[in-house]
């Protein structure tokens, strides 16, 4: 005989409230998303992400014009998603540049310093990230696999790999800024 898991009433209420909003305004939500995100795959993913956003942040009870609220919330989430992607892209570019092997025309001392910095970065990745985040970052940037190849190698979906990369790179950015602050305080 299996035992039922305890259900968090607040969480189940939030899910039910979001489901009710999607039942009543789902077509409106889908139309606004499609209008602002012409890529069908991205719009589909965002539609599901927006549902989760409404679960996490339910519509306040004092809101009378729900469609207006939903429209603003969708646009806000789209802008926020694009901003996060731009930041991730720039961090990925920085990481990709720093992890590339140095050009053979560099002076020997520069080559050694660049190699040491790269090794320090990958050491930080191994020590401070979770196993899956570290594996994703290493496959993508140290081994130079494409996202699809790295995801296949880890036996996960490319979107999941992208999330591991995103979280891992955010953590790295935080750790690096902490280390820089710490080294400036010592000076």
N, C-alpha and C. Protein backbone atom coordinates (compact mmCIF):
# COMPACT_ATOMS: atom_id res chain seq x y z
N UNK A 1 0.86 -1.18 0.00
CA UNK A 1 0.00 0.00 0.00
C UNK A 1 0.90 1.23 0.00
N UNK A 2 0.71 2.11 -0.97
CA UNK A 2 1.55 3.30 -1.05
C UNK A 2 0.96 4.43 -0.21
N UNK A 3 1.85 5.24 0.27
CA UNK A 3 1.43 6.34 1.13
C UNK A 3 1.40 7.62 0.28
N UNK A 4 0.34 8.40 0.41
CA UNK A 4 0.22 9.63 -0.37
C UNK A 4 1.21 10.66 0.15
N UNK A 5 1.80 11.40 -0.80
CA UNK A 5 2.72 12.46 -0.42
C UNK A 5 1.94 13.67 0.07
N UNK A 6 2.48 14.39 1.03
CA UNK A 6 1.77 15.59 1.49
C UNK A 6 1.74 16.64 0.39
N UNK A 7 0.63 17.31 0.26
CA UNK A 7 0.46 18.32 -0.77
C UNK A 7 0.51 19.70 -0.11
N UNK A 8 1.30 20.57 -0.69
CA UNK A 8 1.40 21.93 -0.21
C UNK A 8 0.17 22.68 -0.72
N UNK A 9 -0.72 23.10 0.18
CA UNK A 9 -1.97 23.74 -0.23
C UNK A 9 -1.72 25.04 -0.98
N UNK A 10 -0.73 25.83 -0.56
CA UNK A 10 -0.44 27.08 -1.24
C UNK A 10 0.02 26.83 -2.67
N UNK A 11 0.89 25.83 -2.84
CA UNK A 11 1.40 25.50 -4.17
C UNK A 11 0.27 24.97 -5.06
N UNK A 12 -0.55 24.09 -4.53
CA UNK A 12 -1.64 23.54 -5.35
C UNK A 12 -2.65 24.63 -5.69
N UNK A 13 -2.85 25.58 -4.79
CA UNK A 13 -3.74 26.72 -5.07
C UNK A 13 -3.16 27.58 -6.19
N UNK A 14 -1.85 27.82 -6.16
CA UNK A 14 -1.20 28.62 -7.21
C UNK A 14 -1.29 27.94 -8.56
N UNK A 15 -1.11 26.62 -8.59
CA UNK A 15 -1.22 25.87 -9.85
C UNK A 15 -2.65 25.94 -10.37
N UNK A 16 -3.61 25.76 -9.46
CA UNK A 16 -5.02 25.81 -9.87
C UNK A 16 -5.39 27.19 -10.39
N UNK A 17 -4.89 28.24 -9.74
CA UNK A 17 -5.18 29.61 -10.18
C UNK A 17 -4.58 29.87 -11.55
N UNK A 18 -3.33 29.42 -11.77
CA UNK A 18 -2.69 29.60 -13.08
C UNK A 18 -3.44 28.81 -14.15
N UNK A 19 -3.85 27.59 -13.82
CA UNK A 19 -4.60 26.77 -14.78
C UNK A 19 -5.92 27.44 -15.15
N UNK A 20 -6.58 28.04 -14.17
CA UNK A 20 -7.84 28.74 -14.43
C UNK A 20 -7.61 29.93 -15.37
N UNK A 21 -6.55 30.68 -15.13
CA UNK A 21 -6.22 31.82 -16.01
C UNK A 21 -5.96 31.31 -17.42
N UNK A 22 -5.22 30.21 -17.55
CA UNK A 22 -4.90 29.68 -18.88
C UNK A 22 -6.13 29.12 -19.57
N UNK A 23 -7.07 28.55 -18.80
CA UNK A 23 -8.31 28.07 -19.41
C UNK A 23 -9.13 29.23 -19.97
N UNK A 24 -9.21 30.30 -19.19
CA UNK A 24 -10.03 31.43 -19.59
C UNK A 24 -9.34 32.33 -20.62
N UNK A 25 -8.04 32.53 -20.50
CA UNK A 25 -7.33 33.51 -21.34
C UNK A 25 -6.21 32.88 -22.17
N UNK A 26 -6.22 31.57 -22.30
CA UNK A 26 -5.14 30.86 -22.99
C UNK A 26 -4.91 31.32 -24.41
N UNK A 27 -5.99 31.51 -25.17
CA UNK A 27 -5.84 31.92 -26.58
C UNK A 27 -5.27 33.34 -26.66
N UNK A 28 -5.71 34.21 -25.78
CA UNK A 28 -5.17 35.58 -25.73
C UNK A 28 -3.67 35.53 -25.40
N UNK A 29 -3.30 34.74 -24.40
CA UNK A 29 -1.90 34.60 -24.00
C UNK A 29 -1.07 34.09 -25.17
N UNK A 30 -1.58 33.04 -25.82
CA UNK A 30 -0.86 32.45 -26.96
C UNK A 30 -0.69 33.46 -28.09
N UNK A 31 -1.72 34.26 -28.36
CA UNK A 31 -1.67 35.26 -29.43
C UNK A 31 -0.63 36.33 -29.13
N UNK A 32 -0.62 36.83 -27.90
CA UNK A 32 0.35 37.86 -27.51
C UNK A 32 1.77 37.30 -27.62
N UNK A 33 1.96 36.08 -27.19
CA UNK A 33 3.29 35.46 -27.26
C UNK A 33 3.72 35.27 -28.71
N UNK A 34 2.82 34.74 -29.53
CA UNK A 34 3.16 34.52 -30.95
C UNK A 34 3.46 35.84 -31.65
N UNK A 35 2.75 36.88 -31.30
CA UNK A 35 2.98 38.19 -31.93
C UNK A 35 4.37 38.73 -31.58
N UNK A 36 4.81 38.48 -30.35
CA UNK A 36 6.09 39.01 -29.89
C UNK A 36 7.26 38.05 -30.08
N UNK A 37 6.97 36.78 -30.26
CA UNK A 37 8.02 35.77 -30.50
C UNK A 37 7.64 34.98 -31.75
N UNK A 38 8.06 35.45 -32.92
CA UNK A 38 7.65 34.78 -34.16
C UNK A 38 8.16 33.35 -34.31
N UNK A 39 9.28 32.99 -33.66
CA UNK A 39 9.80 31.64 -33.75
C UNK A 39 8.85 30.70 -32.99
N UNK A 40 8.28 29.73 -33.69
CA UNK A 40 7.26 28.85 -33.11
C UNK A 40 7.80 28.05 -31.92
N UNK A 41 9.01 27.54 -32.02
CA UNK A 41 9.58 26.77 -30.91
C UNK A 41 9.81 27.62 -29.67
N UNK A 42 10.34 28.81 -29.89
CA UNK A 42 10.57 29.72 -28.78
C UNK A 42 9.25 30.14 -28.15
N UNK A 43 8.22 30.40 -28.98
CA UNK A 43 6.89 30.78 -28.47
C UNK A 43 6.29 29.64 -27.66
N UNK A 44 6.44 28.42 -28.15
CA UNK A 44 5.90 27.25 -27.44
C UNK A 44 6.57 27.11 -26.07
N UNK A 45 7.89 27.20 -26.05
CA UNK A 45 8.62 27.10 -24.77
C UNK A 45 8.22 28.23 -23.83
N UNK A 46 8.11 29.44 -24.38
CA UNK A 46 7.76 30.58 -23.53
C UNK A 46 6.35 30.43 -22.96
N UNK A 47 5.43 29.87 -23.75
CA UNK A 47 4.05 29.65 -23.27
C UNK A 47 4.08 28.82 -21.99
N UNK A 48 4.86 27.75 -21.99
CA UNK A 48 4.97 26.88 -20.81
C UNK A 48 5.69 27.60 -19.67
N UNK A 49 6.73 28.34 -20.01
CA UNK A 49 7.46 29.09 -18.99
C UNK A 49 6.56 30.16 -18.35
N UNK A 50 5.69 30.75 -19.16
CA UNK A 50 4.79 31.78 -18.62
C UNK A 50 3.78 31.16 -17.65
N UNK A 51 3.34 29.95 -17.94
CA UNK A 51 2.46 29.26 -16.99
C UNK A 51 3.18 29.11 -15.65
N UNK A 52 4.42 28.67 -15.69
CA UNK A 52 5.20 28.52 -14.44
C UNK A 52 5.40 29.86 -13.75
N UNK A 53 5.56 30.91 -14.55
CA UNK A 53 5.69 32.25 -13.99
C UNK A 53 4.43 32.65 -13.24
N UNK A 54 3.25 32.30 -13.80
CA UNK A 54 1.99 32.60 -13.11
C UNK A 54 1.78 31.74 -11.87
N UNK A 55 2.36 30.54 -11.88
CA UNK A 55 2.29 29.70 -10.67
C UNK A 55 3.12 30.35 -9.58
N UNK A 56 4.33 30.79 -9.95
CA UNK A 56 5.24 31.40 -8.96
C UNK A 56 4.75 32.77 -8.51
N UNK A 57 4.14 33.53 -9.43
CA UNK A 57 3.66 34.89 -9.12
C UNK A 57 2.21 35.02 -9.58
N UNK A 58 1.26 34.54 -8.78
CA UNK A 58 -0.15 34.61 -9.19
C UNK A 58 -0.62 36.05 -9.38
N UNK A 59 -1.67 36.18 -10.14
CA UNK A 59 -2.25 37.50 -10.38
C UNK A 59 -2.82 38.02 -9.06
N UNK A 60 -2.42 39.22 -8.66
CA UNK A 60 -2.93 39.77 -7.40
C UNK A 60 -4.46 39.90 -7.44
N UNK A 61 -5.13 39.70 -6.32
CA UNK A 61 -6.60 39.72 -6.30
C UNK A 61 -7.21 41.08 -6.65
N UNK A 62 -6.47 42.17 -6.46
CA UNK A 62 -7.02 43.50 -6.73
C UNK A 62 -7.02 43.88 -8.21
N UNK A 63 -6.44 43.05 -9.07
CA UNK A 63 -6.38 43.35 -10.51
C UNK A 63 -7.77 43.12 -11.12
N UNK A 64 -8.26 44.16 -11.80
CA UNK A 64 -9.59 44.04 -12.42
C UNK A 64 -9.49 43.75 -13.91
N UNK A 65 -8.50 44.33 -14.60
CA UNK A 65 -8.32 44.09 -16.04
C UNK A 65 -7.25 43.02 -16.22
N UNK A 66 -7.68 41.78 -16.24
CA UNK A 66 -6.75 40.65 -16.27
C UNK A 66 -5.96 40.63 -17.57
N UNK A 67 -6.60 40.89 -18.69
CA UNK A 67 -5.90 40.84 -19.98
C UNK A 67 -4.80 41.90 -20.05
N UNK A 68 -5.07 43.06 -19.55
CA UNK A 68 -4.05 44.10 -19.53
C UNK A 68 -2.86 43.66 -18.66
N UNK A 69 -3.18 43.09 -17.51
CA UNK A 69 -2.13 42.59 -16.61
C UNK A 69 -1.32 41.50 -17.31
N UNK A 70 -2.01 40.55 -17.96
CA UNK A 70 -1.33 39.46 -18.64
C UNK A 70 -0.44 39.98 -19.77
N UNK A 71 -0.96 40.95 -20.52
CA UNK A 71 -0.19 41.52 -21.63
C UNK A 71 1.12 42.13 -21.11
N UNK A 72 1.02 42.94 -20.06
CA UNK A 72 2.23 43.56 -19.49
C UNK A 72 3.17 42.50 -18.91
N UNK A 73 2.61 41.49 -18.25
CA UNK A 73 3.44 40.43 -17.66
C UNK A 73 4.17 39.64 -18.74
N UNK A 74 3.48 39.35 -19.84
CA UNK A 74 4.10 38.61 -20.94
C UNK A 74 5.25 39.43 -21.53
N UNK A 75 4.98 40.71 -21.82
CA UNK A 75 6.05 41.56 -22.39
C UNK A 75 7.23 41.67 -21.42
N UNK A 76 6.94 41.83 -20.15
CA UNK A 76 8.01 41.92 -19.15
C UNK A 76 8.84 40.64 -19.14
N UNK A 77 8.17 39.48 -19.14
CA UNK A 77 8.90 38.20 -19.13
C UNK A 77 9.71 38.00 -20.41
N UNK A 78 9.17 38.44 -21.55
CA UNK A 78 9.91 38.31 -22.82
C UNK A 78 11.17 39.17 -22.77
N UNK A 79 11.03 40.41 -22.32
CA UNK A 79 12.20 41.30 -22.21
C UNK A 79 13.21 40.70 -21.24
N UNK A 80 12.74 40.19 -20.11
CA UNK A 80 13.62 39.59 -19.12
C UNK A 80 14.33 38.37 -19.69
N UNK A 81 13.61 37.54 -20.42
CA UNK A 81 14.20 36.35 -21.04
C UNK A 81 15.26 36.74 -22.07
N UNK A 82 14.96 37.73 -22.88
CA UNK A 82 15.94 38.19 -23.89
C UNK A 82 17.17 38.78 -23.22
N UNK A 83 16.97 39.54 -22.14
CA UNK A 83 18.10 40.13 -21.42
C UNK A 83 18.98 39.02 -20.86
N UNK A 84 18.36 38.00 -20.25
CA UNK A 84 19.14 36.89 -19.70
C UNK A 84 19.90 36.17 -20.80
N UNK A 85 19.28 35.98 -21.96
CA UNK A 85 19.96 35.30 -23.07
C UNK A 85 21.14 36.12 -23.58
N UNK A 86 20.98 37.44 -23.64
CA UNK A 86 22.09 38.29 -24.08
C UNK A 86 23.25 38.19 -23.10
N UNK A 87 22.95 38.20 -21.81
CA UNK A 87 24.01 38.07 -20.80
C UNK A 87 24.67 36.71 -20.92
N UNK A 88 23.87 35.66 -21.06
CA UNK A 88 24.43 34.32 -21.21
C UNK A 88 25.31 34.24 -22.45
N UNK A 89 24.84 34.82 -23.54
CA UNK A 89 25.60 34.79 -24.78
C UNK A 89 26.94 35.50 -24.60
N UNK A 90 26.93 36.66 -23.95
CA UNK A 90 28.20 37.38 -23.77
C UNK A 90 29.14 36.61 -22.85
N UNK A 91 28.61 35.97 -21.81
CA UNK A 91 29.46 35.17 -20.93
C UNK A 91 30.00 33.96 -21.68
N UNK A 92 29.15 33.33 -22.48
CA UNK A 92 29.62 32.20 -23.28
C UNK A 92 30.73 32.63 -24.23
N UNK A 93 30.56 33.79 -24.85
CA UNK A 93 31.59 34.28 -25.76
C UNK A 93 32.89 34.53 -25.00
N UNK A 94 32.80 35.17 -23.81
CA UNK A 94 33.99 35.42 -23.01
C UNK A 94 34.66 34.11 -22.62
N UNK A 95 33.85 33.15 -22.20
CA UNK A 95 34.39 31.86 -21.77
C UNK A 95 35.02 31.14 -22.96
N UNK A 96 34.39 31.22 -24.10
CA UNK A 96 34.91 30.55 -25.29
C UNK A 96 36.24 31.18 -25.70
N UNK A 97 36.32 32.50 -25.61
CA UNK A 97 37.56 33.19 -25.97
C UNK A 97 38.67 32.83 -24.99
N UNK A 98 38.36 32.82 -23.69
CA UNK A 98 39.40 32.54 -22.70
C UNK A 98 39.84 31.09 -22.73
N UNK A 99 39.01 30.21 -23.22
CA UNK A 99 39.35 28.79 -23.20
C UNK A 99 40.00 28.32 -24.50
N UNK A 100 40.07 29.17 -25.50
CA UNK A 100 40.72 28.80 -26.75
C UNK A 100 42.22 28.66 -26.52
N UNK A 101 42.84 27.70 -27.21
CA UNK A 101 44.29 27.62 -27.06
C UNK A 101 44.94 28.88 -27.63
N UNK A 102 46.01 29.35 -27.02
CA UNK A 102 46.65 30.57 -27.49
C UNK A 102 47.27 30.38 -28.87
N UNK A 103 47.33 31.48 -29.60
CA UNK A 103 47.92 31.45 -30.93
C UNK A 103 49.41 31.14 -30.82
N UNK A 104 49.96 30.36 -31.75
CA UNK A 104 51.36 29.97 -31.66
C UNK A 104 52.34 31.14 -31.77
N UNK A 105 51.88 32.30 -32.24
CA UNK A 105 52.80 33.43 -32.40
C UNK A 105 53.02 34.18 -31.09
N UNK A 106 52.30 33.81 -30.02
CA UNK A 106 52.47 34.48 -28.73
C UNK A 106 53.85 34.21 -28.16
N UNK A 107 54.29 35.15 -27.36
CA UNK A 107 55.56 34.97 -26.66
C UNK A 107 55.41 33.83 -25.65
N UNK A 108 56.49 33.09 -25.36
CA UNK A 108 56.39 31.94 -24.45
C UNK A 108 55.83 32.29 -23.07
N UNK A 109 56.21 33.45 -22.51
CA UNK A 109 55.70 33.79 -21.19
C UNK A 109 54.20 34.06 -21.22
N UNK A 110 53.70 34.65 -22.30
CA UNK A 110 52.27 34.91 -22.45
C UNK A 110 51.50 33.60 -22.59
N UNK A 111 52.07 32.67 -23.36
CA UNK A 111 51.43 31.37 -23.55
C UNK A 111 51.29 30.67 -22.21
N UNK A 112 52.33 30.69 -21.40
CA UNK A 112 52.30 30.03 -20.09
C UNK A 112 51.27 30.70 -19.19
N UNK A 113 51.23 32.03 -19.18
CA UNK A 113 50.27 32.75 -18.33
C UNK A 113 48.84 32.46 -18.77
N UNK A 114 48.60 32.49 -20.09
CA UNK A 114 47.25 32.20 -20.59
C UNK A 114 46.84 30.78 -20.22
N UNK A 115 47.75 29.85 -20.35
CA UNK A 115 47.46 28.45 -20.01
C UNK A 115 47.16 28.31 -18.52
N UNK A 116 47.92 29.00 -17.68
CA UNK A 116 47.69 28.94 -16.23
C UNK A 116 46.32 29.52 -15.88
N UNK A 117 45.95 30.63 -16.50
CA UNK A 117 44.64 31.23 -16.25
C UNK A 117 43.52 30.29 -16.67
N UNK A 118 43.68 29.65 -17.81
CA UNK A 118 42.68 28.70 -18.29
C UNK A 118 42.56 27.53 -17.33
N UNK A 119 43.70 27.00 -16.88
CA UNK A 119 43.68 25.89 -15.93
C UNK A 119 43.02 26.30 -14.62
N UNK A 120 43.28 27.54 -14.16
CA UNK A 120 42.63 28.03 -12.94
C UNK A 120 41.12 28.08 -13.12
N UNK A 121 40.69 28.57 -14.29
CA UNK A 121 39.26 28.66 -14.56
C UNK A 121 38.62 27.27 -14.53
N UNK A 122 39.23 26.29 -15.18
CA UNK A 122 38.65 24.95 -15.20
C UNK A 122 38.75 24.28 -13.83
N UNK A 123 39.76 24.63 -13.05
CA UNK A 123 39.84 24.14 -11.68
C UNK A 123 38.66 24.70 -10.86
N UNK A 124 38.37 25.98 -11.06
CA UNK A 124 37.24 26.61 -10.37
C UNK A 124 35.93 25.94 -10.79
N UNK A 125 35.82 25.62 -12.07
CA UNK A 125 34.62 24.95 -12.57
C UNK A 125 34.43 23.61 -11.85
N UNK A 126 35.50 22.84 -11.74
CA UNK A 126 35.42 21.52 -11.09
C UNK A 126 35.10 21.64 -9.60
N UNK A 127 35.68 22.63 -8.91
CA UNK A 127 35.52 22.76 -7.47
C UNK A 127 34.19 23.38 -7.07
N UNK A 128 33.69 24.33 -7.84
CA UNK A 128 32.58 25.14 -7.36
C UNK A 128 31.24 24.87 -8.03
N UNK A 129 31.23 24.16 -9.12
CA UNK A 129 29.95 23.88 -9.79
C UNK A 129 29.51 22.45 -9.47
N UNK A 130 28.22 22.22 -9.63
CA UNK A 130 27.72 20.85 -9.46
C UNK A 130 28.33 19.98 -10.55
N UNK A 131 28.25 18.68 -10.38
CA UNK A 131 28.84 17.76 -11.35
C UNK A 131 28.27 17.97 -12.75
N UNK A 132 26.94 18.12 -12.85
CA UNK A 132 26.32 18.27 -14.17
C UNK A 132 26.66 19.62 -14.80
N UNK A 133 26.70 20.68 -13.99
CA UNK A 133 27.06 22.00 -14.52
C UNK A 133 28.50 22.00 -15.01
N UNK A 134 29.40 21.41 -14.20
CA UNK A 134 30.82 21.36 -14.59
C UNK A 134 31.00 20.54 -15.86
N UNK A 135 30.30 19.41 -15.95
CA UNK A 135 30.41 18.57 -17.14
C UNK A 135 29.91 19.32 -18.37
N UNK A 136 28.80 20.03 -18.23
CA UNK A 136 28.25 20.79 -19.36
C UNK A 136 29.23 21.87 -19.82
N UNK A 137 29.77 22.64 -18.88
CA UNK A 137 30.71 23.72 -19.23
C UNK A 137 31.98 23.12 -19.86
N UNK A 138 32.50 22.06 -19.28
CA UNK A 138 33.72 21.44 -19.83
C UNK A 138 33.51 20.90 -21.24
N UNK A 139 32.39 20.19 -21.44
CA UNK A 139 32.14 19.65 -22.78
C UNK A 139 31.96 20.78 -23.80
N UNK A 140 31.24 21.81 -23.41
CA UNK A 140 30.95 22.88 -24.36
C UNK A 140 32.17 23.75 -24.65
N UNK A 141 32.94 24.09 -23.61
CA UNK A 141 34.01 25.07 -23.82
C UNK A 141 35.41 24.49 -23.77
N UNK A 142 35.65 23.47 -22.98
CA UNK A 142 36.99 22.88 -22.94
C UNK A 142 37.17 21.91 -24.11
N UNK A 143 36.14 21.08 -24.32
CA UNK A 143 36.20 20.09 -25.39
C UNK A 143 35.68 20.65 -26.72
N UNK A 144 35.06 21.83 -26.67
CA UNK A 144 34.56 22.55 -27.85
C UNK A 144 33.48 21.78 -28.62
N UNK A 145 32.62 21.06 -27.89
CA UNK A 145 31.47 20.40 -28.51
C UNK A 145 30.39 21.45 -28.77
N UNK A 146 29.57 21.20 -29.79
CA UNK A 146 28.39 22.04 -29.97
C UNK A 146 27.41 21.70 -28.85
N UNK A 147 26.39 22.53 -28.68
CA UNK A 147 25.39 22.27 -27.65
C UNK A 147 24.72 20.92 -27.88
N UNK A 148 24.39 20.62 -29.13
CA UNK A 148 23.73 19.36 -29.45
C UNK A 148 24.65 18.17 -29.16
N UNK A 149 25.93 18.28 -29.54
CA UNK A 149 26.87 17.19 -29.29
C UNK A 149 27.08 16.97 -27.79
N UNK A 150 27.24 18.06 -27.05
CA UNK A 150 27.45 17.95 -25.60
C UNK A 150 26.21 17.34 -24.93
N UNK A 151 25.03 17.76 -25.36
CA UNK A 151 23.78 17.22 -24.79
C UNK A 151 23.68 15.73 -25.08
N UNK A 152 24.00 15.33 -26.30
CA UNK A 152 23.97 13.91 -26.66
C UNK A 152 24.96 13.13 -25.80
N UNK A 153 26.13 13.70 -25.60
CA UNK A 153 27.17 13.03 -24.80
C UNK A 153 26.72 12.86 -23.34
N UNK A 154 25.97 13.85 -22.82
CA UNK A 154 25.48 13.77 -21.44
C UNK A 154 24.15 13.03 -21.35
N UNK A 155 23.59 12.67 -22.53
CA UNK A 155 22.31 11.96 -22.60
C UNK A 155 21.17 12.81 -22.04
N UNK A 156 21.17 14.10 -22.41
CA UNK A 156 20.11 15.03 -22.00
C UNK A 156 19.68 15.83 -23.22
N UNK A 157 18.62 16.60 -23.08
CA UNK A 157 18.15 17.44 -24.16
C UNK A 157 19.02 18.70 -24.25
N UNK A 158 19.18 19.27 -25.45
CA UNK A 158 19.97 20.49 -25.60
C UNK A 158 19.47 21.63 -24.71
N UNK A 159 18.17 21.72 -24.53
CA UNK A 159 17.62 22.78 -23.67
C UNK A 159 18.07 22.58 -22.22
N UNK A 160 18.12 21.34 -21.77
CA UNK A 160 18.59 21.05 -20.41
C UNK A 160 20.06 21.42 -20.29
N UNK A 161 20.85 21.07 -21.32
CA UNK A 161 22.26 21.44 -21.31
C UNK A 161 22.40 22.96 -21.24
N UNK A 162 21.58 23.68 -22.00
CA UNK A 162 21.64 25.14 -21.98
C UNK A 162 21.35 25.69 -20.59
N UNK A 163 20.42 25.06 -19.89
CA UNK A 163 20.12 25.50 -18.52
C UNK A 163 21.29 25.23 -17.59
N UNK A 164 21.93 24.05 -17.72
CA UNK A 164 23.12 23.77 -16.91
C UNK A 164 24.21 24.80 -17.20
N UNK A 165 24.39 25.12 -18.49
CA UNK A 165 25.40 26.12 -18.86
C UNK A 165 25.05 27.48 -18.27
N UNK A 166 23.80 27.85 -18.38
CA UNK A 166 23.36 29.15 -17.88
C UNK A 166 23.60 29.27 -16.38
N UNK A 167 23.15 28.28 -15.63
CA UNK A 167 23.32 28.31 -14.17
C UNK A 167 24.79 28.26 -13.81
N UNK A 168 25.53 27.37 -14.47
CA UNK A 168 26.96 27.24 -14.17
C UNK A 168 27.73 28.50 -14.47
N UNK A 169 27.45 29.14 -15.60
CA UNK A 169 28.16 30.36 -15.96
C UNK A 169 27.77 31.53 -15.05
N UNK A 170 26.50 31.56 -14.63
CA UNK A 170 26.10 32.58 -13.66
C UNK A 170 26.87 32.42 -12.36
N UNK A 171 27.00 31.17 -11.90
CA UNK A 171 27.76 30.91 -10.68
C UNK A 171 29.23 31.31 -10.86
N UNK A 172 29.80 30.95 -12.01
CA UNK A 172 31.20 31.30 -12.27
C UNK A 172 31.41 32.81 -12.26
N UNK A 173 30.50 33.52 -12.91
CA UNK A 173 30.59 34.98 -12.94
C UNK A 173 30.58 35.53 -11.52
N UNK A 174 29.72 34.98 -10.68
CA UNK A 174 29.63 35.40 -9.29
C UNK A 174 30.92 35.08 -8.54
N UNK A 175 31.44 33.87 -8.72
CA UNK A 175 32.67 33.47 -8.03
C UNK A 175 33.85 34.33 -8.47
N UNK A 176 33.92 34.60 -9.76
CA UNK A 176 35.04 35.41 -10.28
C UNK A 176 34.98 36.81 -9.72
N UNK A 177 33.77 37.40 -9.68
CA UNK A 177 33.64 38.76 -9.13
C UNK A 177 33.97 38.76 -7.64
N UNK A 178 33.59 37.70 -6.92
CA UNK A 178 33.96 37.61 -5.50
C UNK A 178 35.47 37.54 -5.33
N UNK A 179 36.12 36.72 -6.16
CA UNK A 179 37.58 36.59 -6.09
C UNK A 179 38.27 37.91 -6.40
N UNK A 180 37.74 38.65 -7.39
CA UNK A 180 38.34 39.94 -7.74
C UNK A 180 38.16 40.93 -6.61
N UNK A 181 36.98 40.95 -5.98
CA UNK A 181 36.75 41.85 -4.84
C UNK A 181 37.68 41.50 -3.69
N UNK A 182 37.87 40.21 -3.46
CA UNK A 182 38.73 39.76 -2.38
C UNK A 182 40.18 40.16 -2.64
N UNK A 183 40.64 40.00 -3.89
CA UNK A 183 42.02 40.35 -4.20
C UNK A 183 42.23 41.87 -4.17
N UNK A 184 41.19 42.66 -4.47
CA UNK A 184 41.31 44.13 -4.39
C UNK A 184 41.37 44.58 -2.94
N UNK A 185 40.67 43.87 -2.05
CA UNK A 185 40.70 44.22 -0.62
C UNK A 185 42.05 43.95 -0.03
N UNK A 186 42.74 42.92 -0.51
CA UNK A 186 44.07 42.59 0.00
C UNK A 186 45.13 43.58 -0.45
N UNK A 187 44.90 44.25 -1.56
CA UNK A 187 45.92 45.16 -2.13
C UNK A 187 46.06 46.43 -1.33
